[in-house]
Amino acid sequence: MKMKNTYFTSYFPLITILLFSTSLSIATVMIVIDYLQVLGIYEGMLEFFSNNGIKLALFIIFALLYFMVFSALKLIADTVTELSLLFFSKDIVGENLTKIRGGSSFYLVAGALSLAAVQFPIAIIGIFLLATLCYFIFIVYKISSSLTSASLIGLVLFHVLFWFSFILGTLYICFRLYNSIMASLPI
């Protein structure tokens, strides 16, 4: 099935980011409110805000945070994809980008499913990772006809190594920051 208008799916990433941000924000608000109640802080907050006011404020903060994270990931992913096509594809017109544009529907469906999994934050992360895997397989399948075997292997390795080092580097920085904060606490 060929699309008549190549820009039909151009709004899918924004809707997907909104869906994932909403579902993760709702899940995070529920977790944070539970922690605040366990710590005894929530009752004190109720003196200044209503129950719904606290939930709405937390939702807005977390929705904004998740929106920024997913937007940054989208920008990085697009850059890595186009850079890998620059390195490994002989397509100079950009037909490969047009071929893979429909893959954003994987994320759109996953974003809708994430709303159903609001009670289970790990399931939301799993849905996101599964959509990412499906999208990657879709990209490789769609552009494999325009690449040599060596170029295809290079493209796959480029993506895998980039995301592996990106995630590993981010986790390393987070652990170092956590350890430095814990070491500086006067306990």
Protein backbone atom coordinates (compact mmCIF):
# COMPACT_ATOMS: atom_id res chain seq x y z
CA MET A 1 0.00 0.00 0.00
CA LYS A 2 1.56 3.26 -1.11
CA MET A 3 0.61 6.51 0.56
CA LYS A 4 -0.71 9.27 -1.63
CA ASN A 5 0.75 12.03 0.52
CA THR A 6 4.21 11.54 2.00
CA TYR A 7 3.47 13.97 4.84
CA PHE A 8 0.47 12.01 6.14
CA THR A 9 2.46 10.53 9.03
CA SER A 10 4.34 13.73 9.90
CA TYR A 11 2.25 14.39 13.01
CA PHE A 12 2.62 10.85 14.40
CA PRO A 13 5.82 11.60 16.40
CA LEU A 14 4.21 14.52 18.24
CA ILE A 15 1.12 12.49 19.13
CA THR A 16 3.34 9.58 20.19
CA ILE A 17 5.44 11.81 22.44
CA LEU A 18 2.26 13.21 24.00
CA LEU A 19 0.82 9.72 24.57
CA PHE A 20 3.98 8.30 26.17
CA SER A 21 4.50 11.47 28.23
CA THR A 22 0.93 11.30 29.49
CA SER A 23 1.03 7.63 30.43
CA LEU A 24 4.40 7.86 32.14
CA SER A 25 3.37 11.06 33.94
CA ILE A 26 0.22 9.46 35.33
CA ALA A 27 2.21 6.41 36.46
CA THR A 28 4.90 8.59 38.04
CA VAL A 29 2.34 10.76 39.85
CA MET A 30 0.79 7.66 41.40
CA ILE A 31 4.21 6.44 42.56
CA VAL A 32 5.29 9.85 43.89
CA ILE A 33 2.04 10.34 45.82
CA ASP A 34 2.49 6.91 47.41
CA TYR A 35 6.02 7.86 48.49
CA LEU A 36 4.88 11.23 49.78
CA GLN A 37 2.20 9.51 51.87
CA VAL A 38 4.68 6.96 53.24
CA LEU A 39 7.10 9.77 54.17
CA GLY A 40 4.28 11.78 55.78
CA ILE A 41 4.78 14.81 53.54
CA TYR A 42 1.51 14.49 51.65
CA GLU A 43 -0.68 15.49 54.60
CA GLY A 44 1.32 18.69 55.04
CA MET A 45 0.95 19.47 51.35
CA LEU A 46 -2.83 19.12 51.66
CA GLU A 47 -2.85 22.17 53.93
CA PHE A 48 -1.70 24.34 51.02
CA PHE A 49 -3.16 22.54 47.99
CA SER A 50 -6.17 20.41 47.31
CA ASN A 51 -5.73 16.73 46.49
CA ASN A 52 -6.50 17.36 42.82
CA GLY A 53 -4.26 20.44 42.81
CA ILE A 54 -1.29 18.39 43.98
CA LYS A 55 -1.97 15.68 41.41
CA LEU A 56 -2.36 18.24 38.62
CA ALA A 57 0.83 20.10 39.57
CA LEU A 58 2.82 16.87 39.71
CA PHE A 59 1.30 15.70 36.42
CA ILE A 60 2.26 18.95 34.66
CA ILE A 61 5.83 18.78 36.00
CA PHE A 62 6.34 15.16 35.01
CA ALA A 63 4.56 15.56 31.65
CA LEU A 64 6.88 18.43 30.78
CA LEU A 65 9.92 16.44 31.89
CA TYR A 66 8.94 13.34 29.90
CA PHE A 67 8.00 15.47 26.89
CA MET A 68 11.48 17.00 26.88
CA VAL A 69 13.18 13.61 27.26
CA PHE A 70 11.18 11.98 24.46
CA SER A 71 11.65 15.00 22.20
CA ALA A 72 15.40 14.86 22.75
CA LEU A 73 15.42 11.11 22.08
CA LYS A 74 13.44 11.68 18.87
CA LEU A 75 15.92 14.32 17.72
CA ILE A 76 18.89 12.07 18.52
CA ALA A 77 17.27 9.05 16.82
CA ASP A 78 16.51 11.03 13.66
CA THR A 79 20.06 12.36 13.57
CA VAL A 80 21.56 8.89 14.08
CA THR A 81 19.32 7.41 11.38
CA GLU A 82 20.17 10.09 8.84
CA LEU A 83 23.85 9.94 9.74
CA SER A 84 23.89 6.17 9.27
CA LEU A 85 22.19 6.60 5.90
CA LEU A 86 24.82 9.18 4.98
CA PHE A 87 27.61 6.76 5.84
CA PHE A 88 26.20 3.53 4.45
CA SER A 89 23.58 4.32 1.79
CA LYS A 90 24.22 5.31 -1.78
CA ASP A 91 20.82 7.06 -1.89
CA ILE A 92 21.52 10.75 -2.52
CA VAL A 93 17.92 11.78 -3.25
CA GLY A 94 16.42 10.73 0.09
CA GLU A 95 14.15 7.93 -1.06
CA ASN A 96 15.15 5.85 1.97
CA LEU A 97 13.83 8.54 4.31
CA THR A 98 10.51 8.47 2.49
CA LYS A 99 10.41 4.67 2.74
CA ILE A 100 10.88 4.62 6.51
CA ARG A 101 8.54 7.49 7.36
CA GLY A 102 5.56 5.14 7.87
CA GLY A 103 7.42 3.34 10.66
CA SER A 104 6.32 6.00 13.11
CA SER A 105 2.98 4.22 13.23
CA PHE A 106 4.65 1.55 15.43
CA TYR A 107 5.28 4.21 18.05
CA LEU A 108 1.79 5.66 17.65
CA VAL A 109 0.16 2.30 18.38
CA ALA A 110 2.59 1.72 21.25
CA GLY A 111 1.76 5.15 22.68
CA ALA A 112 -1.93 4.30 22.65
CA LEU A 113 -1.20 0.95 24.32
CA SER A 114 0.88 2.71 26.97
CA LEU A 115 -2.22 4.56 28.15
CA ALA A 116 -3.81 1.19 28.89
CA ALA A 117 -0.76 0.20 30.94
CA VAL A 118 -0.76 3.25 33.21
CA GLN A 119 -0.95 1.07 36.34
CA PHE A 120 2.27 -0.72 35.32
CA PRO A 121 5.22 1.62 34.60
CA ILE A 122 7.50 -1.30 33.68
CA ALA A 123 4.95 -2.36 31.05
CA ILE A 124 5.06 1.14 29.55
CA ILE A 125 8.83 0.92 29.26
CA GLY A 126 8.50 -2.56 27.77
CA ILE A 127 5.97 -1.32 25.22
CA PHE A 128 8.32 1.51 24.26
CA LEU A 129 11.28 -0.87 23.85
CA LEU A 130 9.19 -3.30 21.81
CA ALA A 131 8.04 -0.46 19.54
CA THR A 132 11.67 0.61 19.15
CA LEU A 133 12.69 -2.91 18.15
CA CYS A 134 9.81 -3.19 15.67
CA TYR A 135 10.68 0.23 14.22
CA PHE A 136 14.34 -0.74 13.83
CA ILE A 137 13.44 -4.01 12.09
CA PHE A 138 11.05 -2.05 9.85
CA ILE A 139 13.80 0.43 8.91
CA VAL A 140 16.29 -2.33 8.13
CA TYR A 141 13.70 -4.19 6.04
CA LYS A 142 12.62 -1.11 4.08
CA ILE A 143 16.09 0.11 3.17
CA SER A 144 17.81 -3.26 2.81
CA SER A 145 17.06 -3.34 -0.91
CA SER A 146 19.13 -0.20 -1.49
CA LEU A 147 22.14 -1.33 0.56
CA THR A 148 24.88 -3.86 0.01
CA SER A 149 25.35 -6.59 2.62
CA ALA A 150 28.38 -4.82 4.08
CA SER A 151 26.52 -1.50 4.22
CA LEU A 152 23.56 -3.14 5.92
CA ILE A 153 25.80 -4.71 8.55
CA GLY A 154 27.54 -1.37 9.03
CA LEU A 155 24.22 0.44 9.44
CA VAL A 156 22.96 -2.06 12.02
CA LEU A 157 26.24 -2.00 13.94
CA PHE A 158 26.30 1.80 13.84
CA HIS A 159 22.86 1.98 15.46
CA VAL A 160 23.51 -0.76 18.00
CA LEU A 161 26.89 0.64 19.05
CA PHE A 162 25.62 4.21 19.25
CA TRP A 163 22.60 3.37 21.41
CA PHE A 164 24.59 0.94 23.56
CA SER A 165 27.26 3.55 24.29
CA PHE A 166 24.65 6.31 24.73
CA ILE A 167 22.66 4.31 27.30
CA LEU A 168 25.77 3.00 29.04
CA GLY A 169 27.28 6.51 29.21
CA THR A 170 24.05 7.99 30.55
CA LEU A 171 23.74 5.29 33.22
CA TYR A 172 27.39 5.77 34.19
CA ILE A 173 26.90 9.52 34.63
CA CYS A 174 23.72 8.96 36.66
CA PHE A 175 25.45 6.46 38.96
CA ARG A 176 28.45 8.76 39.41
CA LEU A 177 26.15 11.67 40.24
CA TYR A 178 24.15 9.52 42.68
CA ASN A 179 27.31 8.27 44.39
CA SER A 180 28.73 11.77 44.71
CA ILE A 181 25.47 13.04 46.24
CA MET A 182 25.34 10.13 48.69
CA ALA A 183 29.00 10.61 49.62
CA SER A 184 28.43 14.30 50.35
CA LEU A 185 25.50 13.69 52.71
CA PRO A 186 26.41 14.12 56.38
CA ILE A 187 25.33 10.72 57.65
